[in-house]
C-alpha atoms as a PDB file:
ATOM      1  CA  UNK A   1      18.895  30.027  -4.762  1.00  0.00           C
ATOM      2  CA  UNK A   2      17.114  26.620  -4.521  1.00  0.00           C
ATOM      3  CA  UNK A   3      15.965  25.685  -1.042  1.00  0.00           C
ATOM      4  CA  UNK A   4      16.405  29.180   0.422  1.00  0.00           C
ATOM      5  CA  UNK A   5      12.696  29.880   0.116  1.00  0.00           C
ATOM      6  CA  UNK A   6      11.932  26.793   2.226  1.00  0.00           C
ATOM      7  CA  UNK A   7      13.965  27.762   5.307  1.00  0.00           C
ATOM      8  CA  UNK A   8      11.813  27.028   8.365  1.00  0.00           C
ATOM      9  CA  UNK A   9       9.240  25.153   6.291  1.00  0.00           C
ATOM     10  CA  UNK A  10       7.338  22.206   7.783  1.00  0.00           C
ATOM     11  CA  UNK A  11       4.862  19.765   6.155  1.00  0.00           C
ATOM     12  CA  UNK A  12       1.880  21.237   8.024  1.00  0.00           C
ATOM     13  CA  UNK A  13       2.503  24.690   6.558  1.00  0.00           C
ATOM     14  CA  UNK A  14       1.134  25.754   3.173  1.00  0.00           C
ATOM     15  CA  UNK A  15       3.380  25.003   0.197  1.00  0.00           C
ATOM     16  CA  UNK A  16       3.228  28.717  -0.656  1.00  0.00           C
ATOM     17  CA  UNK A  17       4.243  30.903   2.318  1.00  0.00           C
ATOM     18  CA  UNK A  18       2.021  33.826   1.226  1.00  0.00           C
ATOM     19  CA  UNK A  19      -1.211  34.311   3.218  1.00  0.00           C
ATOM     20  CA  UNK A  20      -4.423  32.878   1.766  1.00  0.00           C
ATOM     21  CA  UNK A  21      -6.481  35.251  -0.359  1.00  0.00           C
ATOM     22  CA  UNK A  22      -9.996  36.157   0.714  1.00  0.00           C
ATOM     23  CA  UNK A  23     -12.898  36.459  -1.693  1.00  0.00           C
ATOM     24  CA  UNK A  24     -16.365  37.693  -0.871  1.00  0.00           C
ATOM     25  CA  UNK A  25     -19.361  36.147  -2.555  1.00  0.00           C
ATOM     26  CA  UNK A  26     -23.104  36.666  -2.085  1.00  0.00           C
ATOM     27  CA  UNK A  27     -23.052  34.307   0.907  1.00  0.00           C
ATOM     28  CA  UNK A  28     -20.107  35.986   2.653  1.00  0.00           C
ATOM     29  CA  UNK A  29     -16.299  35.812   2.653  1.00  0.00           C
ATOM     30  CA  UNK A  30     -14.348  32.603   2.226  1.00  0.00           C
ATOM     31  CA  UNK A  31     -10.632  31.869   2.036  1.00  0.00           C
ATOM     32  CA  UNK A  32      -8.663  30.457  -0.835  1.00  0.00           C
ATOM     33  CA  UNK A  33      -6.655  28.046   1.254  1.00  0.00           C
ATOM     34  CA  UNK A  34      -3.167  27.033   0.247  1.00  0.00           C
ATOM     35  CA  UNK A  35      -2.534  23.318  -0.154  1.00  0.00           C
ATOM     36  CA  UNK A  36      -0.332  21.768   2.557  1.00  0.00           C
ATOM     37  CA  UNK A  37       2.276  19.098   1.892  1.00  0.00           C
ATOM     38  CA  UNK A  38       0.196  16.692   3.986  1.00  0.00           C
ATOM     39  CA  UNK A  39      -2.755  17.127   1.588  1.00  0.00           C
ATOM     40  CA  UNK A  40      -0.461  16.798  -1.442  1.00  0.00           C
ATOM     41  CA  UNK A  41       0.988  13.527  -0.080  1.00  0.00           C
ATOM     42  CA  UNK A  42      -2.520  12.177   0.578  1.00  0.00           C
ATOM     43  CA  UNK A  43      -3.785  13.124  -2.901  1.00  0.00           C
ATOM     44  CA  UNK A  44      -0.713  11.598  -4.545  1.00  0.00           C
ATOM     45  CA  UNK A  45      -1.343   8.321  -2.733  1.00  0.00           C
ATOM     46  CA  UNK A  46      -5.038   8.260  -3.666  1.00  0.00           C
ATOM     47  CA  UNK A  47      -4.809   9.467  -7.251  1.00  0.00           C
ATOM     48  CA  UNK A  48      -1.323   8.261  -8.221  1.00  0.00           C
ATOM     49  CA  UNK A  49      -0.608  11.739  -9.600  1.00  0.00           C
ATOM     50  CA  UNK A  50       2.626  13.602  -8.918  1.00  0.00           C
ATOM     51  CA  UNK A  51       1.923  17.143  -7.658  1.00  0.00           C
ATOM     52  CA  UNK A  52       5.490  17.786  -6.472  1.00  0.00           C
ATOM     53  CA  UNK A  53       6.187  20.711  -8.750  1.00  0.00           C
ATOM     54  CA  UNK A  54       4.985  24.298  -8.792  1.00  0.00           C
ATOM     55  CA  UNK A  55       2.792  23.763 -11.842  1.00  0.00           C
ATOM     56  CA  UNK A  56       0.976  20.829 -10.228  1.00  0.00           C
ATOM     57  CA  UNK A  57       0.373  22.666  -6.948  1.00  0.00           C
ATOM     58  CA  UNK A  58      -0.782  25.778  -8.811  1.00  0.00           C
ATOM     59  CA  UNK A  59      -3.210  23.713 -10.911  1.00  0.00           C
ATOM     60  CA  UNK A  60      -4.550  22.036  -7.758  1.00  0.00           C
ATOM     61  CA  UNK A  61      -5.045  25.393  -5.999  1.00  0.00           C
ATOM     62  CA  UNK A  62      -6.826  26.819  -9.067  1.00  0.00           C
ATOM     63  CA  UNK A  63      -9.132  23.775  -9.166  1.00  0.00           C
ATOM     64  CA  UNK A  64      -9.974  24.300  -5.489  1.00  0.00           C
ATOM     65  CA  UNK A  65     -10.552  28.005  -6.126  1.00  0.00           C
ATOM     66  CA  UNK A  66     -12.872  27.137  -9.029  1.00  0.00           C
ATOM     67  CA  UNK A  67     -14.812  24.648  -6.886  1.00  0.00           C
ATOM     68  CA  UNK A  68     -15.091  27.232  -4.086  1.00  0.00           C
ATOM     69  CA  UNK A  69     -17.563  29.089  -6.310  1.00  0.00           C
ATOM     70  CA  UNK A  70     -20.104  26.497  -5.177  1.00  0.00           C
ATOM     71  CA  UNK A  71     -20.174  28.344  -1.840  1.00  0.00           C
ATOM     72  CA  UNK A  72     -21.923  31.204  -3.690  1.00  0.00           C
ATOM     73  CA  UNK A  73     -24.837  29.038  -4.850  1.00  0.00           C
ATOM     74  CA  UNK A  74     -27.978  29.435  -2.756  1.00  0.00           C
ATOM     75  CA  UNK A  75     -29.324  25.910  -2.203  1.00  0.00           C
ATOM     76  CA  UNK A  76     -31.927  26.754   0.441  1.00  0.00           C
ATOM     77  CA  UNK A  77     -35.192  24.967  -0.289  1.00  0.00           C
ATOM     78  CA  UNK A  78     -33.601  22.667  -2.898  1.00  0.00           C
ATOM     79  CA  UNK A  79     -33.990  18.954  -2.225  1.00  0.00           C
ATOM     80  CA  UNK A  80     -30.884  16.823  -2.831  1.00  0.00           C
ATOM     81  CA  UNK A  81     -30.892  14.607  -5.918  1.00  0.00           C
ATOM     82  CA  UNK A  82     -29.812  11.003  -6.052  1.00  0.00           C
ATOM     83  CA  UNK A  83     -29.193  11.126  -9.788  1.00  0.00           C
ATOM     84  CA  UNK A  84     -29.826  13.405 -12.758  1.00  0.00           C
ATOM     85  CA  UNK A  85     -31.838  10.484 -14.150  1.00  0.00           C
ATOM     86  CA  UNK A  86     -33.954   9.940 -11.030  1.00  0.00           C
ATOM     87  CA  UNK A  87     -37.202  10.836 -12.829  1.00  0.00           C
ATOM     88  CA  UNK A  88     -36.651   8.202 -15.538  1.00  0.00           C
ATOM     89  CA  UNK A  89     -37.522   4.523 -15.454  1.00  0.00           C
ATOM     90  CA  UNK A  90     -34.545   2.262 -16.093  1.00  0.00           C
ATOM     91  CA  UNK A  91     -35.543  -0.878 -17.941  1.00  0.00           C
ATOM     92  CA  UNK A  92     -33.658  -4.059 -17.110  1.00  0.00           C
ATOM     93  CA  UNK A  93     -33.115  -6.834 -19.601  1.00  0.00           C
ATOM     94  CA  UNK A  94     -32.219 -10.470 -19.177  1.00  0.00           C
ATOM     95  CA  UNK A  95     -28.501 -11.196 -19.259  1.00  0.00           C
ATOM     96  CA  UNK A  96     -28.680 -13.428 -22.308  1.00  0.00           C
ATOM     97  CA  UNK A  97     -25.550 -14.457 -24.229  1.00  0.00           C
ATOM     98  CA  UNK A  98     -26.041 -13.569 -27.892  1.00  0.00           C
ATOM     99  CA  UNK A  99     -22.558 -14.305 -29.217  1.00  0.00           C
ATOM    100  CA  UNK A 100     -19.212 -15.486 -27.986  1.00  0.00           C
ATOM    101  CA  UNK A 101     -19.608 -17.924 -25.107  1.00  0.00           C
ATOM    102  CA  UNK A 102     -15.953 -18.875 -25.465  1.00  0.00           C
ATOM    103  CA  UNK A 103     -14.370 -18.325 -22.024  1.00  0.00           C
ATOM    104  CA  UNK A 104     -11.285 -20.412 -22.820  1.00  0.00           C
ATOM    105  CA  UNK A 105     -10.486 -18.233 -25.837  1.00  0.00           C
ATOM    106  CA  UNK A 106     -10.967 -15.034 -23.830  1.00  0.00           C
ATOM    107  CA  UNK A 107      -8.803 -16.247 -20.940  1.00  0.00           C
ATOM    108  CA  UNK A 108      -5.962 -16.987 -23.375  1.00  0.00           C
ATOM    109  CA  UNK A 109      -5.699 -13.205 -23.914  1.00  0.00           C
ATOM    110  CA  UNK A 110      -5.127 -12.558 -20.204  1.00  0.00           C
ATOM    111  CA  UNK A 111      -1.615 -12.025 -18.910  1.00  0.00           C
ATOM    112  CA  UNK A 112      -2.433 -13.829 -15.644  1.00  0.00           C
ATOM    113  CA  UNK A 113      -5.365 -16.006 -14.570  1.00  0.00           C
ATOM    114  CA  UNK A 114      -6.415 -18.019 -11.539  1.00  0.00           C
ATOM    115  CA  UNK A 115      -8.929 -20.771 -12.184  1.00  0.00           C
ATOM    116  CA  UNK A 116     -11.358 -19.050 -14.580  1.00  0.00           C
ATOM    117  CA  UNK A 117     -10.678 -15.427 -13.573  1.00  0.00           C
ATOM    118  CA  UNK A 118      -8.512 -12.591 -14.904  1.00  0.00           C
ATOM    119  CA  UNK A 119      -5.922 -11.202 -12.490  1.00  0.00           C
ATOM    120  CA  UNK A 120      -5.967  -7.396 -12.572  1.00  0.00           C
ATOM    121  CA  UNK A 121      -2.828  -5.393 -11.797  1.00  0.00           C
ATOM    122  CA  UNK A 122      -2.675  -3.980  -8.262  1.00  0.00           C
ATOM    123  CA  UNK A 123      -3.906  -0.414  -7.863  1.00  0.00           C
ATOM    124  CA  UNK A 124      -2.930   2.589  -5.783  1.00  0.00           C
ATOM    125  CA  UNK A 125       0.718   1.735  -5.353  1.00  0.00           C
ATOM    126  CA  UNK A 126       2.458   4.883  -4.078  1.00  0.00           C
ATOM    127  CA  UNK A 127       4.657   6.634  -6.608  1.00  0.00           C
ATOM    128  CA  UNK A 128       8.393   6.641  -5.904  1.00  0.00           C
ATOM    129  CA  UNK A 129       9.564   9.985  -4.531  1.00  0.00           C
ATOM    130  CA  UNK A 130      11.827  11.934  -6.845  1.00  0.00           C
ATOM    131  CA  UNK A 131      14.908  13.590  -5.419  1.00  0.00           C
ATOM    132  CA  UNK A 132      14.373  17.128  -6.627  1.00  0.00           C
ATOM    133  CA  UNK A 133      15.425  20.481  -5.195  1.00  0.00           C
ATOM    134  CA  UNK A 134      12.479  22.303  -6.762  1.00  0.00           C
ATOM    135  CA  UNK A 135      10.084  21.043  -4.102  1.00  0.00           C
ATOM    136  CA  UNK A 136      10.794  20.051  -0.495  1.00  0.00           C
ATOM    137  CA  UNK A 137      10.893  16.408   0.492  1.00  0.00           C
ATOM    138  CA  UNK A 138      10.227  15.185   4.016  1.00  0.00           C
END
């Protein structure tokens, strides 16, 4: 029966009412935490991805579980890197126009412009909430 499973549910509780699983690695035990609705709402706002279904939440929890393996890596005595290319010399070149130089022609392809600039569409607009009984809304 839809909704019955969510009786007594609140946004600060895990989406899955079962207790978190514990795994022990070489560096000790750590929990596989369940994702709360508060975290799901925050991720949806940041990433513009809809996690409000069981498949999405399950995929998110599996990704977190996969990343938790990093807790098992012994990093003692390892200096942090700034980049994987930090030991290479990056050569800079002069910004010299070799072809084109036709800003008017390029701006004609833009949907919207102001003065001599493209107008980009706005980003991170929250997704509309779907009315669906398969996942609780608050």
